[in-house]
Structures are given as C-alpha cells and as structure tokens.
C-alpha cells in the first residue's frame, strides 16, 4: 500500500515536471517562431525590388512591406485587412481555385511552394510575378497564415517569348518559319479548321531545280538570294494573315486558313508570275526562271489528315520534278 502511494506521488510529481517543461518549451518555441518571423520579415523588407506581404488563412492581407506599396501603387492602409482578391489579384474563379489549392498544399505539407502569379497595380496594370509562398506557423506548429515573396518576371517572360519566336524563324528569311515551326503550325491549323469544318488550303512552292541551277551555274550566294527573294515575296503578298515557312530545304509552304481551293488557285497564279519576275532580277534568263513547281491542295473531308494533305503535295511535286513539268500543278488533279 505504501509503495502504491509512493508510486502515485512519484508519477504525479513527474507529470507536473513534464508539464512545466512542456510549457517552457512551448514558450521558447513561440519566442523562437516570433523572432524568426520578425527577422524574416525584416530581411525580406530590405531586399530591393522584392514584394513581400502576408495573409491569414482567409486571404486577408495582414502585412505589406514598403516595396509592395511602392511597386503596386497602394498605400498600406488600402491593403491591410483587405482580401488579396480584388486588391493585389484579380477576383476571378481561376485565382480563387489557385489560392485554395496552394493553401491546401502549404497546410498539408507545411512546405514552401513556388508559383507564377499575376499581381495587379492600383491602376489596373498586371504584372507577372514569381512568388515564393511559405506557411506562417504558431507555437504548436499549426499554419495560421501565408507569407508571399514575389519578384517581377514580366521582362524575363517577354525575353523568353522573343527567344522562342527567334528560334522558330528561318535562317535565310527571318519573316518566315523554319521547318520544325512550320510543320507544327500546319498541323495545329489543320486540326483547328477541321474541328470547325472551315475551308483550309495549302500552297507549296518547290524551288529545287531553279535553286540548284543558280547555285551551280552562278554561285551559292545567288541560290540563297533566290530563296530569300521568293520567301519575302510570299510574306509581302500573303503573309499578313497566313503562316509561311520553308521545309525540305527548297519548299516554301503557305498555310491558307479559312480559304477554299478556288482562292488558293488564284493565289498560286499570282505568285508564279511575281516569282518569275524576281528571279529574272538575279540575271537568270526567262526560260530557266520558270524552273519551279507550285502545287496546291485543300482539306478533303473529316477523314483527311494533315499528314495526308502534305503528302499529296509532296508526291505531286516529286512527280513534276522527275518529268520536268514546271508551273502550277494541282495536287488533286492531273
């Protein structure tokens, strides 16, 4: 009995000791979290150009640094206590879903996530930002808010797009697409016009024989100038609303969206005469200036494919070159 009483007393004392230690640890942890949060806030506030702010779990703004107000044109009083949607972000369903999904990830994993977000200036202008989002934890390590550290990447995004556009351009004629970009665009436009049952045509100008004649008979520079002159002509005449590219080295393709076969035929006739005139300017005689083939075709039906359509033109051109039959040749009729 005495042992039982002593055991209970010991256990009670040990439990009291553990309770005191737990409270002390919680206090120290809370002070550590507060100090860490204060230091993080101060460090982020000092970083030039960075936008730093906090929200609670309902996305009410609880803190903004000076850079946020300066960069976005708001006063601090215009943001503190306000919803992030409708102030720093456009209030729409896409942003609501994105914020909610980010919150779930942060709460479930208690981890930092990086996203691209569009923030709004007070004047309505939108800025593309790279945002680092971190959980704000309380003394029991429960998430009670989110901190946002954002950097403007609008210029980077523009430069990235310019590099992408540059990489898609042809090396000889910068205003037309290279082979890879052209074939991807052709397949994309074919599928789009097929989906909406629009007219869709393709013109291909094969300059292989006249190019080889110029390159071997005159010089390679003249051959390249010939290709560039034809590409520039096509761009000038049809490039405003159409996509033009070079493929198979000496073929110029012109994608004719929402264009019936009859219009493609008319464009082919116009281009043939103008290309001959430009070739003559390179000191090539009238007979040899006609050594190229123009073929055209249209999307047939819902069973037609982009590969079949392009294949018809390639086969017809190959036959025409083999027989030295220059001029305008429809890929659909002999």
C-alpha atoms as a PDB file:
ATOM      1  CA  UNK A   1       0.000   0.000   0.000  1.00  0.00           C
ATOM      2  CA  UNK A   2       2.848   2.345   0.969  1.00  0.00           C
ATOM      3  CA  UNK A   3       4.619   1.502  -2.301  1.00  0.00           C
ATOM      4  CA  UNK A   4       1.457   2.301  -4.242  1.00  0.00           C
ATOM      5  CA  UNK A   5       1.157   5.698  -2.570  1.00  0.00           C
ATOM      6  CA  UNK A   6       4.806   6.459  -3.227  1.00  0.00           C
ATOM      7  CA  UNK A   7       4.453   5.386  -6.865  1.00  0.00           C
ATOM      8  CA  UNK A   8       1.427   7.632  -7.341  1.00  0.00           C
ATOM      9  CA  UNK A   9       3.278  10.528  -5.726  1.00  0.00           C
ATOM     10  CA  UNK A  10       6.292   9.975  -7.952  1.00  0.00           C
ATOM     11  CA  UNK A  11       4.147   9.760 -11.076  1.00  0.00           C
ATOM     12  CA  UNK A  12       2.224  12.897 -10.083  1.00  0.00           C
ATOM     13  CA  UNK A  13       5.453  14.781  -9.464  1.00  0.00           C
ATOM     14  CA  UNK A  14       6.940  13.581 -12.744  1.00  0.00           C
ATOM     15  CA  UNK A  15       3.793  14.590 -14.606  1.00  0.00           C
ATOM     16  CA  UNK A  16       3.968  18.049 -13.028  1.00  0.00           C
ATOM     17  CA  UNK A  17       7.639  18.273 -14.007  1.00  0.00           C
ATOM     18  CA  UNK A  18       6.832  17.311 -17.601  1.00  0.00           C
ATOM     19  CA  UNK A  19       4.013  19.856 -17.699  1.00  0.00           C
ATOM     20  CA  UNK A  20       6.380  22.610 -16.570  1.00  0.00           C
ATOM     21  CA  UNK A  21       8.983  21.527 -19.135  1.00  0.00           C
ATOM     22  CA  UNK A  22       6.343  21.439 -21.889  1.00  0.00           C
ATOM     23  CA  UNK A  23       5.191  24.947 -21.054  1.00  0.00           C
ATOM     24  CA  UNK A  24       8.770  26.178 -21.052  1.00  0.00           C
ATOM     25  CA  UNK A  25       9.473  24.501 -24.396  1.00  0.00           C
ATOM     26  CA  UNK A  26       6.258  25.935 -25.864  1.00  0.00           C
ATOM     27  CA  UNK A  27       7.220  29.398 -24.615  1.00  0.00           C
ATOM     28  CA  UNK A  28      10.702  29.115 -26.053  1.00  0.00           C
ATOM     29  CA  UNK A  29       9.328  27.734 -29.309  1.00  0.00           C
ATOM     30  CA  UNK A  30       6.796  30.545 -29.559  1.00  0.00           C
ATOM     31  CA  UNK A  31       9.505  33.147 -28.926  1.00  0.00           C
ATOM     32  CA  UNK A  32      11.721  31.445 -31.500  1.00  0.00           C
ATOM     33  CA  UNK A  33       8.933  31.401 -34.109  1.00  0.00           C
ATOM     34  CA  UNK A  34       8.062  35.050 -33.440  1.00  0.00           C
ATOM     35  CA  UNK A  35      11.710  36.088 -33.623  1.00  0.00           C
ATOM     36  CA  UNK A  36      12.277  34.071 -36.784  1.00  0.00           C
ATOM     37  CA  UNK A  37       9.172  35.561 -38.376  1.00  0.00           C
ATOM     38  CA  UNK A  38      10.266  39.066 -37.342  1.00  0.00           C
ATOM     39  CA  UNK A  39      13.760  38.512 -38.739  1.00  0.00           C
ATOM     40  CA  UNK A  40      12.390  37.014 -41.969  1.00  0.00           C
ATOM     41  CA  UNK A  41      10.042  39.954 -42.392  1.00  0.00           C
ATOM     42  CA  UNK A  42      12.856  42.446 -41.816  1.00  0.00           C
ATOM     43  CA  UNK A  43      15.209  40.634 -44.207  1.00  0.00           C
ATOM     44  CA  UNK A  44      12.588  40.452 -46.944  1.00  0.00           C
ATOM     45  CA  UNK A  45      11.605  44.076 -46.386  1.00  0.00           C
ATOM     46  CA  UNK A  46      15.213  45.117 -47.056  1.00  0.00           C
ATOM     47  CA  UNK A  47      15.541  43.232 -50.352  1.00  0.00           C
ATOM     48  CA  UNK A  48      15.457  45.731 -53.205  1.00  0.00           C
ATOM     49  CA  UNK A  49      12.653  45.211 -55.661  1.00  0.00           C
ATOM     50  CA  UNK A  50      11.031  42.300 -53.851  1.00  0.00           C
ATOM     51  CA  UNK A  51       7.363  42.451 -52.974  1.00  0.00           C
ATOM     52  CA  UNK A  52       6.679  40.876 -49.588  1.00  0.00           C
ATOM     53  CA  UNK A  53       3.331  40.543 -47.852  1.00  0.00           C
ATOM     54  CA  UNK A  54       1.345  38.179 -45.609  1.00  0.00           C
ATOM     55  CA  UNK A  55      -2.210  36.921 -45.428  1.00  0.00           C
ATOM     56  CA  UNK A  56      -4.212  34.920 -42.939  1.00  0.00           C
ATOM     57  CA  UNK A  57      -5.910  31.660 -43.912  1.00  0.00           C
ATOM     58  CA  UNK A  58      -8.913  33.586 -45.269  1.00  0.00           C
ATOM     59  CA  UNK A  59      -6.567  35.502 -47.589  1.00  0.00           C
ATOM     60  CA  UNK A  60      -6.946  38.788 -45.715  1.00  0.00           C
ATOM     61  CA  UNK A  61      -3.758  40.861 -46.029  1.00  0.00           C
ATOM     62  CA  UNK A  62      -2.048  41.233 -42.630  1.00  0.00           C
ATOM     63  CA  UNK A  63       1.289  42.808 -43.597  1.00  0.00           C
ATOM     64  CA  UNK A  64       2.919  44.534 -46.610  1.00  0.00           C
ATOM     65  CA  UNK A  65       6.471  45.845 -46.961  1.00  0.00           C
ATOM     66  CA  UNK A  66       7.389  49.212 -48.474  1.00  0.00           C
ATOM     67  CA  UNK A  67       8.306  47.642 -51.824  1.00  0.00           C
ATOM     68  CA  UNK A  68       4.789  46.244 -52.185  1.00  0.00           C
ATOM     69  CA  UNK A  69       3.226  49.679 -51.767  1.00  0.00           C
ATOM     70  CA  UNK A  70       5.841  51.378 -53.950  1.00  0.00           C
ATOM     71  CA  UNK A  71       5.757  48.849 -56.801  1.00  0.00           C
ATOM     72  CA  UNK A  72       1.983  48.419 -56.915  1.00  0.00           C
ATOM     73  CA  UNK A  73       0.913  51.986 -56.139  1.00  0.00           C
ATOM     74  CA  UNK A  74      -1.121  51.292 -52.987  1.00  0.00           C
ATOM     75  CA  UNK A  75      -0.992  52.893 -49.581  1.00  0.00           C
ATOM     76  CA  UNK A  76      -0.531  50.492 -46.671  1.00  0.00           C
ATOM     77  CA  UNK A  77      -3.976  51.413 -45.326  1.00  0.00           C
ATOM     78  CA  UNK A  78      -5.524  50.418 -48.651  1.00  0.00           C
ATOM     79  CA  UNK A  79      -4.253  46.854 -48.275  1.00  0.00           C
ATOM     80  CA  UNK A  80      -4.106  45.846 -44.601  1.00  0.00           C
ATOM     81  CA  UNK A  81      -7.267  43.949 -43.676  1.00  0.00           C
ATOM     82  CA  UNK A  82      -8.418  43.676 -47.300  1.00  0.00           C
ATOM     83  CA  UNK A  83      -8.860  40.466 -49.275  1.00  0.00           C
ATOM     84  CA  UNK A  84      -5.985  39.655 -51.600  1.00  0.00           C
ATOM     85  CA  UNK A  85      -8.569  39.018 -54.342  1.00  0.00           C
ATOM     86  CA  UNK A  86      -9.858  42.326 -55.614  1.00  0.00           C
ATOM     87  CA  UNK A  87      -6.739  44.208 -54.468  1.00  0.00           C
ATOM     88  CA  UNK A  88      -3.449  42.513 -55.315  1.00  0.00           C
ATOM     89  CA  UNK A  89      -5.032  39.863 -57.515  1.00  0.00           C
ATOM     90  CA  UNK A  90      -7.928  39.908 -59.945  1.00  0.00           C
ATOM     91  CA  UNK A  91     -11.071  38.471 -58.354  1.00  0.00           C
ATOM     92  CA  UNK A  92     -11.982  35.548 -60.618  1.00  0.00           C
ATOM     93  CA  UNK A  93     -12.637  31.809 -60.317  1.00  0.00           C
ATOM     94  CA  UNK A  94      -9.216  30.821 -61.656  1.00  0.00           C
ATOM     95  CA  UNK A  95      -7.403  32.808 -58.969  1.00  0.00           C
ATOM     96  CA  UNK A  96      -9.761  31.537 -56.248  1.00  0.00           C
ATOM     97  CA  UNK A  97      -9.033  27.939 -57.210  1.00  0.00           C
ATOM     98  CA  UNK A  98      -5.293  28.590 -57.426  1.00  0.00           C
ATOM     99  CA  UNK A  99      -5.143  30.224 -53.978  1.00  0.00           C
ATOM    100  CA  UNK A 100      -7.209  27.434 -52.428  1.00  0.00           C
ATOM    101  CA  UNK A 101      -5.044  24.731 -53.975  1.00  0.00           C
ATOM    102  CA  UNK A 102      -1.845  26.466 -52.825  1.00  0.00           C
ATOM    103  CA  UNK A 103      -3.280  26.750 -49.305  1.00  0.00           C
ATOM    104  CA  UNK A 104      -4.069  23.013 -49.226  1.00  0.00           C
ATOM    105  CA  UNK A 105      -0.515  22.180 -50.303  1.00  0.00           C
ATOM    106  CA  UNK A 106       1.006  24.502 -47.713  1.00  0.00           C
ATOM    107  CA  UNK A 107      -1.171  23.236 -44.829  1.00  0.00           C
ATOM    108  CA  UNK A 108      -0.832  19.554 -45.694  1.00  0.00           C
ATOM    109  CA  UNK A 109       2.916  19.618 -46.332  1.00  0.00           C
ATOM    110  CA  UNK A 110       3.979  22.681 -44.309  1.00  0.00           C
ATOM    111  CA  UNK A 111       6.387  23.386 -47.144  1.00  0.00           C
ATOM    112  CA  UNK A 112       7.438  26.257 -49.370  1.00  0.00           C
ATOM    113  CA  UNK A 113       5.930  26.329 -52.864  1.00  0.00           C
ATOM    114  CA  UNK A 114       6.878  28.446 -55.874  1.00  0.00           C
ATOM    115  CA  UNK A 115       4.318  29.630 -58.397  1.00  0.00           C
ATOM    116  CA  UNK A 116       3.840  32.203 -61.126  1.00  0.00           C
ATOM    117  CA  UNK A 117       1.075  34.674 -60.315  1.00  0.00           C
ATOM    118  CA  UNK A 118      -0.292  37.845 -61.876  1.00  0.00           C
ATOM    119  CA  UNK A 119      -0.446  40.759 -59.415  1.00  0.00           C
ATOM    120  CA  UNK A 120      -2.378  43.952 -60.067  1.00  0.00           C
ATOM    121  CA  UNK A 121      -1.230  47.507 -59.657  1.00  0.00           C
ATOM    122  CA  UNK A 122      -3.691  50.050 -58.295  1.00  0.00           C
ATOM    123  CA  UNK A 123      -4.129  51.465 -61.830  1.00  0.00           C
ATOM    124  CA  UNK A 124      -5.213  48.051 -63.124  1.00  0.00           C
ATOM    125  CA  UNK A 125      -1.934  47.155 -64.822  1.00  0.00           C
ATOM    126  CA  UNK A 126      -0.991  43.498 -64.431  1.00  0.00           C
ATOM    127  CA  UNK A 127       2.494  42.177 -63.634  1.00  0.00           C
ATOM    128  CA  UNK A 128       3.725  38.603 -63.958  1.00  0.00           C
ATOM    129  CA  UNK A 129       5.426  37.571 -60.700  1.00  0.00           C
ATOM    130  CA  UNK A 130       7.424  34.608 -59.471  1.00  0.00           C
ATOM    131  CA  UNK A 131       6.085  34.044 -55.933  1.00  0.00           C
ATOM    132  CA  UNK A 132       7.559  32.019 -53.090  1.00  0.00           C
ATOM    133  CA  UNK A 133       4.823  31.076 -50.620  1.00  0.00           C
ATOM    134  CA  UNK A 134       5.631  29.862 -47.101  1.00  0.00           C
ATOM    135  CA  UNK A 135       3.469  28.847 -44.126  1.00  0.00           C
ATOM    136  CA  UNK A 136       3.387  31.099 -41.072  1.00  0.00           C
ATOM    137  CA  UNK A 137       3.382  28.735 -38.048  1.00  0.00           C
ATOM    138  CA  UNK A 138       2.203  29.304 -34.485  1.00  0.00           C
ATOM    139  CA  UNK A 139       3.710  27.846 -31.281  1.00  0.00           C
ATOM    140  CA  UNK A 140       2.151  24.413 -31.879  1.00  0.00           C
ATOM    141  CA  UNK A 141       3.431  24.431 -35.470  1.00  0.00           C
ATOM    142  CA  UNK A 142      -0.004  24.951 -36.935  1.00  0.00           C
ATOM    143  CA  UNK A 143      -0.252  27.085 -40.056  1.00  0.00           C
ATOM    144  CA  UNK A 144      -2.021  30.365 -39.356  1.00  0.00           C
ATOM    145  CA  UNK A 145      -1.124  32.304 -42.464  1.00  0.00           C
ATOM    146  CA  UNK A 146       0.991  32.565 -45.617  1.00  0.00           C
ATOM    147  CA  UNK A 147       3.936  34.799 -46.484  1.00  0.00           C
ATOM    148  CA  UNK A 148       4.492  35.825 -50.109  1.00  0.00           C
ATOM    149  CA  UNK A 149       7.849  36.892 -51.545  1.00  0.00           C
ATOM    150  CA  UNK A 150       7.355  37.987 -55.170  1.00  0.00           C
ATOM    151  CA  UNK A 151       9.743  39.086 -57.910  1.00  0.00           C
ATOM    152  CA  UNK A 152       8.730  40.765 -61.166  1.00  0.00           C
ATOM    153  CA  UNK A 153       9.497  38.439 -64.105  1.00  0.00           C
ATOM    154  CA  UNK A 154       7.483  40.284 -66.768  1.00  0.00           C
ATOM    155  CA  UNK A 155      10.612  41.299 -68.655  1.00  0.00           C
ATOM    156  CA  UNK A 156      12.028  37.784 -68.388  1.00  0.00           C
ATOM    157  CA  UNK A 157       8.777  36.380 -69.799  1.00  0.00           C
ATOM    158  CA  UNK A 158       8.885  38.812 -72.728  1.00  0.00           C
ATOM    159  CA  UNK A 159      12.518  37.945 -73.465  1.00  0.00           C
ATOM    160  CA  UNK A 160      11.702  34.235 -73.253  1.00  0.00           C
ATOM    161  CA  UNK A 161       8.927  34.691 -75.814  1.00  0.00           C
ATOM    162  CA  UNK A 162      11.228  36.706 -78.077  1.00  0.00           C
ATOM    163  CA  UNK A 163      13.840  33.951 -77.930  1.00  0.00           C
ATOM    164  CA  UNK A 164      11.160  31.385 -78.722  1.00  0.00           C
ATOM    165  CA  UNK A 165       9.984  33.459 -81.691  1.00  0.00           C
ATOM    166  CA  UNK A 166      13.566  33.932 -82.864  1.00  0.00           C
ATOM    167  CA  UNK A 167      14.249  30.194 -82.638  1.00  0.00           C
ATOM    168  CA  UNK A 168      11.225  29.479 -84.849  1.00  0.00           C
ATOM    169  CA  UNK A 169      12.412  31.769 -87.657  1.00  0.00           C
ATOM    170  CA  UNK A 170      14.082  30.578 -90.847  1.00  0.00           C
ATOM    171  CA  UNK A 171      17.817  31.199 -91.104  1.00  0.00           C
ATOM    172  CA  UNK A 172      17.594  32.700 -94.629  1.00  0.00           C
ATOM    173  CA  UNK A 173      14.367  34.686 -94.315  1.00  0.00           C
ATOM    174  CA  UNK A 174      13.620  35.936 -90.802  1.00  0.00           C
ATOM    175  CA  UNK A 175       9.963  36.686 -91.586  1.00  0.00           C
ATOM    176  CA  UNK A 176       9.039  33.054 -92.242  1.00  0.00           C
ATOM    177  CA  UNK A 177       9.009  29.941 -90.049  1.00  0.00           C
ATOM    178  CA  UNK A 178      11.691  27.289 -90.100  1.00  0.00           C
ATOM    179  CA  UNK A 179      10.798  23.690 -90.927  1.00  0.00           C
ATOM    180  CA  UNK A 180      10.018  22.482 -87.416  1.00  0.00           C
ATOM    181  CA  UNK A 181       7.895  25.512 -86.530  1.00  0.00           C
ATOM    182  CA  UNK A 182       6.093  25.459 -89.883  1.00  0.00           C
ATOM    183  CA  UNK A 183       5.123  21.778 -89.723  1.00  0.00           C
ATOM    184  CA  UNK A 184       3.843  22.200 -86.156  1.00  0.00           C
ATOM    185  CA  UNK A 185       1.826  25.263 -87.198  1.00  0.00           C
ATOM    186  CA  UNK A 186       0.434  23.416 -90.221  1.00  0.00           C
ATOM    187  CA  UNK A 187      -0.769  20.504 -88.069  1.00  0.00           C
ATOM    188  CA  UNK A 188      -2.247  22.892 -85.484  1.00  0.00           C
ATOM    189  CA  UNK A 189      -4.122  24.950 -88.088  1.00  0.00           C
ATOM    190  CA  UNK A 190      -5.324  21.833 -89.895  1.00  0.00           C
ATOM    191  CA  UNK A 191      -6.826  20.414 -86.689  1.00  0.00           C
ATOM    192  CA  UNK A 192      -8.425  23.751 -85.810  1.00  0.00           C
ATOM    193  CA  UNK A 193     -10.083  24.183 -89.199  1.00  0.00           C
ATOM    194  CA  UNK A 194     -11.192  20.556 -89.202  1.00  0.00           C
ATOM    195  CA  UNK A 195     -12.824  20.984 -85.781  1.00  0.00           C
ATOM    196  CA  UNK A 196     -14.936  23.885 -87.023  1.00  0.00           C
ATOM    197  CA  UNK A 197     -15.321  22.473 -90.551  1.00  0.00           C
ATOM    198  CA  UNK A 198     -13.679  25.513 -92.144  1.00  0.00           C
ATOM    199  CA  UNK A 199     -12.134  25.673 -95.599  1.00  0.00           C
ATOM    200  CA  UNK A 200      -8.404  25.017 -95.407  1.00  0.00           C
ATOM    201  CA  UNK A 201      -5.840  25.086 -98.219  1.00  0.00           C
ATOM    202  CA  UNK A 202      -2.114  24.806 -98.700  1.00  0.00           C
ATOM    203  CA  UNK A 203       0.185  26.178-101.385  1.00  0.00           C
ATOM    204  CA  UNK A 204       3.709  24.777-101.760  1.00  0.00           C
ATOM    205  CA  UNK A 205       6.353  26.338-103.997  1.00  0.00           C
ATOM    206  CA  UNK A 206       9.193  23.949-104.862  1.00  0.00           C
ATOM    207  CA  UNK A 207      12.328  25.844-105.945  1.00  0.00           C
ATOM    208  CA  UNK A 208      14.722  22.880-106.009  1.00  0.00           C
ATOM    209  CA  UNK A 209      15.645  22.911-109.710  1.00  0.00           C
ATOM    210  CA  UNK A 210      15.997  26.687-110.081  1.00  0.00           C
ATOM    211  CA  UNK A 211      17.937  26.819-106.789  1.00  0.00           C
ATOM    212  CA  UNK A 212      20.402  24.176-107.972  1.00  0.00           C
ATOM    213  CA  UNK A 213      20.696  25.909-111.359  1.00  0.00           C
ATOM    214  CA  UNK A 214      21.564  29.213-109.657  1.00  0.00           C
ATOM    215  CA  UNK A 215      23.884  27.673-107.057  1.00  0.00           C
ATOM    216  CA  UNK A 216      25.850  25.564-109.515  1.00  0.00           C
ATOM    217  CA  UNK A 217      25.642  27.816-112.556  1.00  0.00           C
ATOM    218  CA  UNK A 218      26.280  31.131-110.808  1.00  0.00           C
ATOM    219  CA  UNK A 219      27.175  30.799-107.095  1.00  0.00           C
ATOM    220  CA  UNK A 220      25.688  29.625-103.800  1.00  0.00           C
ATOM    221  CA  UNK A 221      25.022  33.204-102.741  1.00  0.00           C
ATOM    222  CA  UNK A 222      22.700  33.662-105.706  1.00  0.00           C
ATOM    223  CA  UNK A 223      20.872  30.469-104.797  1.00  0.00           C
ATOM    224  CA  UNK A 224      20.294  31.710-101.256  1.00  0.00           C
ATOM    225  CA  UNK A 225      19.231  35.138-102.522  1.00  0.00           C
ATOM    226  CA  UNK A 226      16.716  33.398-104.779  1.00  0.00           C
ATOM    227  CA  UNK A 227      15.143  31.524-101.846  1.00  0.00           C
ATOM    228  CA  UNK A 228      15.047  34.680 -99.756  1.00  0.00           C
ATOM    229  CA  UNK A 229      13.516  36.746-102.554  1.00  0.00           C
ATOM    230  CA  UNK A 230      10.731  34.180-103.046  1.00  0.00           C
ATOM    231  CA  UNK A 231      10.112  33.980 -99.282  1.00  0.00           C
ATOM    232  CA  UNK A 232       9.969  37.770 -98.944  1.00  0.00           C
ATOM    233  CA  UNK A 233       7.542  37.946-101.869  1.00  0.00           C
ATOM    234  CA  UNK A 234       5.206  35.374-100.315  1.00  0.00           C
ATOM    235  CA  UNK A 235       5.331  37.218 -96.997  1.00  0.00           C
ATOM    236  CA  UNK A 236       4.628  40.545 -98.668  1.00  0.00           C
ATOM    237  CA  UNK A 237       1.688  39.224-100.690  1.00  0.00           C
ATOM    238  CA  UNK A 238       0.103  36.672 -98.334  1.00  0.00           C
ATOM    239  CA  UNK A 239       1.898  36.839 -95.014  1.00  0.00           C
ATOM    240  CA  UNK A 240      -0.397  39.339 -93.311  1.00  0.00           C
ATOM    241  CA  UNK A 241      -2.941  36.765 -92.166  1.00  0.00           C
ATOM    242  CA  UNK A 242      -1.298  33.486 -93.145  1.00  0.00           C
ATOM    243  CA  UNK A 243       1.640  31.391 -91.912  1.00  0.00           C
ATOM    244  CA  UNK A 244       4.559  30.854 -94.267  1.00  0.00           C
ATOM    245  CA  UNK A 245       7.584  28.612 -93.788  1.00  0.00           C
ATOM    246  CA  UNK A 246      10.421  26.778 -95.511  1.00  0.00           C
ATOM    247  CA  UNK A 247      10.752  22.984 -95.364  1.00  0.00           C
ATOM    248  CA  UNK A 248      12.539  20.213 -97.263  1.00  0.00           C
ATOM    249  CA  UNK A 249      15.253  22.877 -97.825  1.00  0.00           C
ATOM    250  CA  UNK A 250      13.763  24.385-101.011  1.00  0.00           C
ATOM    251  CA  UNK A 251       9.989  24.246-100.437  1.00  0.00           C
ATOM    252  CA  UNK A 252       8.013  27.308 -99.337  1.00  0.00           C
ATOM    253  CA  UNK A 253       4.687  26.436 -97.727  1.00  0.00           C
ATOM    254  CA  UNK A 254       1.788  28.855 -97.346  1.00  0.00           C
ATOM    255  CA  UNK A 255      -0.983  27.856 -94.923  1.00  0.00           C
ATOM    256  CA  UNK A 256      -4.329  29.273 -96.047  1.00  0.00           C
ATOM    257  CA  UNK A 257      -6.759  29.266 -93.119  1.00  0.00           C
ATOM    258  CA  UNK A 258     -10.467  29.520 -93.953  1.00  0.00           C
ATOM    259  CA  UNK A 259      -9.536  29.610 -97.644  1.00  0.00           C
ATOM    260  CA  UNK A 260     -11.262  27.484-100.315  1.00  0.00           C
ATOM    261  CA  UNK A 261      -9.462  25.721-103.136  1.00  0.00           C
ATOM    262  CA  UNK A 262     -10.508  28.330-105.714  1.00  0.00           C
ATOM    263  CA  UNK A 263      -8.796  31.157-103.847  1.00  0.00           C
ATOM    264  CA  UNK A 264      -5.675  29.046-103.394  1.00  0.00           C
ATOM    265  CA  UNK A 265      -5.565  28.525-107.182  1.00  0.00           C
ATOM    266  CA  UNK A 266      -5.833  32.280-107.779  1.00  0.00           C
ATOM    267  CA  UNK A 267      -3.043  32.973-105.294  1.00  0.00           C
ATOM    268  CA  UNK A 268      -0.858  30.358-106.985  1.00  0.00           C
ATOM    269  CA  UNK A 269      -1.250  32.055-110.383  1.00  0.00           C
ATOM    270  CA  UNK A 270      -0.414  35.455-108.907  1.00  0.00           C
ATOM    271  CA  UNK A 271       2.658  34.173-107.088  1.00  0.00           C
ATOM    272  CA  UNK A 272       4.021  32.303-110.096  1.00  0.00           C
ATOM    273  CA  UNK A 273       4.205  35.439-112.242  1.00  0.00           C
ATOM    274  CA  UNK A 274       5.730  37.527-109.464  1.00  0.00           C
ATOM    275  CA  UNK A 275       8.349  34.916-108.530  1.00  0.00           C
ATOM    276  CA  UNK A 276       9.465  34.625-112.154  1.00  0.00           C
ATOM    277  CA  UNK A 277       9.890  38.413-112.280  1.00  0.00           C
ATOM    278  CA  UNK A 278      12.015  38.385-109.096  1.00  0.00           C
ATOM    279  CA  UNK A 279      14.164  35.507-110.362  1.00  0.00           C
ATOM    280  CA  UNK A 280      14.836  37.433-113.587  1.00  0.00           C
ATOM    281  CA  UNK A 281      16.257  40.256-111.449  1.00  0.00           C
ATOM    282  CA  UNK A 282      19.046  37.854-110.430  1.00  0.00           C
ATOM    283  CA  UNK A 283      20.271  37.776-114.074  1.00  0.00           C
ATOM    284  CA  UNK A 284      18.601  34.448-114.834  1.00  0.00           C
ATOM    285  CA  UNK A 285      17.057  34.125-118.293  1.00  0.00           C
ATOM    286  CA  UNK A 286      13.293  33.822-118.803  1.00  0.00           C
ATOM    287  CA  UNK A 287      13.371  30.114-119.763  1.00  0.00           C
ATOM    288  CA  UNK A 288      15.286  28.949-116.694  1.00  0.00           C
ATOM    289  CA  UNK A 289      13.431  31.370-114.393  1.00  0.00           C
ATOM    290  CA  UNK A 290      10.360  29.163-114.816  1.00  0.00           C
ATOM    291  CA  UNK A 291      12.058  26.043-113.410  1.00  0.00           C
ATOM    292  CA  UNK A 292       9.924  25.707-110.291  1.00  0.00           C
ATOM    293  CA  UNK A 293       6.664  24.000-109.346  1.00  0.00           C
ATOM    294  CA  UNK A 294       3.682  25.438-107.473  1.00  0.00           C
ATOM    295  CA  UNK A 295       1.219  22.924-106.089  1.00  0.00           C
ATOM    296  CA  UNK A 296      -1.890  23.460-104.027  1.00  0.00           C
ATOM    297  CA  UNK A 297      -4.464  21.330-102.269  1.00  0.00           C
ATOM    298  CA  UNK A 298      -7.343  21.608 -99.804  1.00  0.00           C
ATOM    299  CA  UNK A 299      -8.661  19.695 -96.814  1.00  0.00           C
ATOM    300  CA  UNK A 300     -10.888  16.996 -98.298  1.00  0.00           C
ATOM    301  CA  UNK A 301     -13.232  15.737 -95.598  1.00  0.00           C
ATOM    302  CA  UNK A 302     -13.317  14.650 -91.981  1.00  0.00           C
ATOM    303  CA  UNK A 303     -11.240  11.577 -92.847  1.00  0.00           C
ATOM    304  CA  UNK A 304      -8.426  13.724 -94.219  1.00  0.00           C
ATOM    305  CA  UNK A 305      -5.357  14.373 -92.057  1.00  0.00           C
ATOM    306  CA  UNK A 306      -2.543  16.914 -92.013  1.00  0.00           C
ATOM    307  CA  UNK A 307      -0.054  14.187 -92.993  1.00  0.00           C
ATOM    308  CA  UNK A 308      -2.220  13.063 -95.922  1.00  0.00           C
ATOM    309  CA  UNK A 309      -2.674  16.633 -97.119  1.00  0.00           C
ATOM    310  CA  UNK A 310       1.041  17.392 -97.022  1.00  0.00           C
ATOM    311  CA  UNK A 311       1.837  14.001 -98.500  1.00  0.00           C
ATOM    312  CA  UNK A 312      -0.346  14.706-101.564  1.00  0.00           C
ATOM    313  CA  UNK A 313       1.610  17.854-102.304  1.00  0.00           C
ATOM    314  CA  UNK A 314       4.996  16.190-101.803  1.00  0.00           C
ATOM    315  CA  UNK A 315       4.134  13.281-104.094  1.00  0.00           C
ATOM    316  CA  UNK A 316       2.790  15.540-106.816  1.00  0.00           C
ATOM    317  CA  UNK A 317       5.836  17.804-106.675  1.00  0.00           C
ATOM    318  CA  UNK A 318       8.208  14.813-106.818  1.00  0.00           C
ATOM    319  CA  UNK A 319       6.441  13.555-109.968  1.00  0.00           C
ATOM    320  CA  UNK A 320       6.505  17.021-111.572  1.00  0.00           C
ATOM    321  CA  UNK A 321      10.246  17.456-110.911  1.00  0.00           C
ATOM    322  CA  UNK A 322      11.006  13.974-112.244  1.00  0.00           C
ATOM    323  CA  UNK A 323       9.205  14.794-115.510  1.00  0.00           C
ATOM    324  CA  UNK A 324      10.443  18.423-115.520  1.00  0.00           C
ATOM    325  CA  UNK A 325       6.852  19.643-115.612  1.00  0.00           C
ATOM    326  CA  UNK A 326       7.182  23.154-114.210  1.00  0.00           C
ATOM    327  CA  UNK A 327       4.430  25.626-113.474  1.00  0.00           C
ATOM    328  CA  UNK A 328       1.220  25.340-111.476  1.00  0.00           C
ATOM    329  CA  UNK A 329       0.160  21.771-110.772  1.00  0.00           C
ATOM    330  CA  UNK A 330      -2.823  20.923-108.617  1.00  0.00           C
ATOM    331  CA  UNK A 331      -2.024  18.096-106.251  1.00  0.00           C
ATOM    332  CA  UNK A 332      -5.603  16.842-106.635  1.00  0.00           C
ATOM    333  CA  UNK A 333      -5.860  16.661-110.418  1.00  0.00           C
ATOM    334  CA  UNK A 334      -3.550  15.592-113.233  1.00  0.00           C
END
